[in-house]
């Protein structure tokens, strides 16, 4: 039987004091434990998120993009 995982995602954003910098992303929790924040700044966002989650679960990950 497969183990059930509860994955919780929450948006966050940050603007520096003078307003010139802005970042946003998603905090990821698995079974209540925050594992990492996933930044959204490029077209690799989905790959980055998958890699963070799978690394946390103990997998070595290599992601290739195919056209």
Protein backbone atom coordinates (compact mmCIF):
# COMPACT_ATOMS: atom_id res chain seq x y z
CA UNK A 1 0.00 0.00 0.00
CA UNK A 2 1.31 3.45 -0.89
CA UNK A 3 1.87 6.04 1.81
CA UNK A 4 -0.47 9.03 1.60
CA UNK A 5 1.26 12.43 1.51
CA UNK A 6 -0.45 15.66 2.51
CA UNK A 7 1.09 18.47 0.45
CA UNK A 8 0.20 22.04 1.41
CA UNK A 9 1.11 25.01 -0.78
CA UNK A 10 0.92 28.69 0.17
CA UNK A 11 1.80 31.77 -1.88
CA UNK A 12 4.27 34.35 -0.59
CA UNK A 13 5.79 37.56 -1.91
CA UNK A 14 8.52 39.98 -0.88
CA UNK A 15 9.29 43.56 -1.85
CA UNK A 16 12.51 45.18 -0.60
CA UNK A 17 12.44 48.43 1.38
CA UNK A 18 12.95 50.77 -1.58
CA UNK A 19 10.58 48.83 -3.87
CA UNK A 20 13.12 47.96 -6.57
CA UNK A 21 13.09 44.21 -5.88
CA UNK A 22 10.13 41.85 -5.98
CA UNK A 23 10.05 38.08 -5.58
CA UNK A 24 7.22 35.63 -5.20
CA UNK A 25 6.90 31.94 -4.82
CA UNK A 26 5.17 29.09 -3.06
CA UNK A 27 6.03 27.54 0.28
CA UNK A 28 5.65 23.78 0.25
CA UNK A 29 4.87 21.56 3.24
CA UNK A 30 4.75 17.78 3.15
CA UNK A 31 2.91 16.18 6.07
CA UNK A 32 3.13 19.49 7.96
CA UNK A 33 6.89 19.97 7.53
CA UNK A 34 8.02 22.93 5.42
CA UNK A 35 10.54 21.64 2.94
CA UNK A 36 11.39 24.69 0.85
CA UNK A 37 10.10 27.71 -0.95
CA UNK A 38 9.85 27.44 -4.69
CA UNK A 39 10.73 30.68 -6.48
CA UNK A 40 8.89 31.59 -9.63
CA UNK A 41 11.28 33.50 -11.83
CA UNK A 42 11.79 31.43 -14.96
CA UNK A 43 10.29 28.86 -17.30
CA UNK A 44 11.83 26.10 -15.16
CA UNK A 45 9.39 26.71 -12.30
CA UNK A 46 7.59 23.37 -12.58
CA UNK A 47 10.89 21.49 -12.84
CA UNK A 48 12.28 23.31 -9.81
CA UNK A 49 9.19 22.50 -7.77
CA UNK A 50 9.23 18.84 -8.75
CA UNK A 51 12.92 18.58 -7.92
CA UNK A 52 12.43 20.11 -4.45
CA UNK A 53 9.60 17.71 -3.58
CA UNK A 54 11.26 14.59 -5.01
CA UNK A 55 14.60 15.38 -3.33
CA UNK A 56 12.78 15.73 -0.01
CA UNK A 57 11.24 12.30 -0.57
CA UNK A 58 14.71 10.83 -1.10
CA UNK A 59 14.91 10.61 -4.88
CA UNK A 60 17.86 11.67 -6.99
CA UNK A 61 16.33 13.74 -9.78
CA UNK A 62 17.36 14.59 -13.32
CA UNK A 63 14.78 16.48 -15.34
CA UNK A 64 15.04 16.87 -19.11
CA UNK A 65 12.95 19.17 -21.27
CA UNK A 66 11.73 17.73 -24.55
CA UNK A 67 10.15 19.67 -27.39
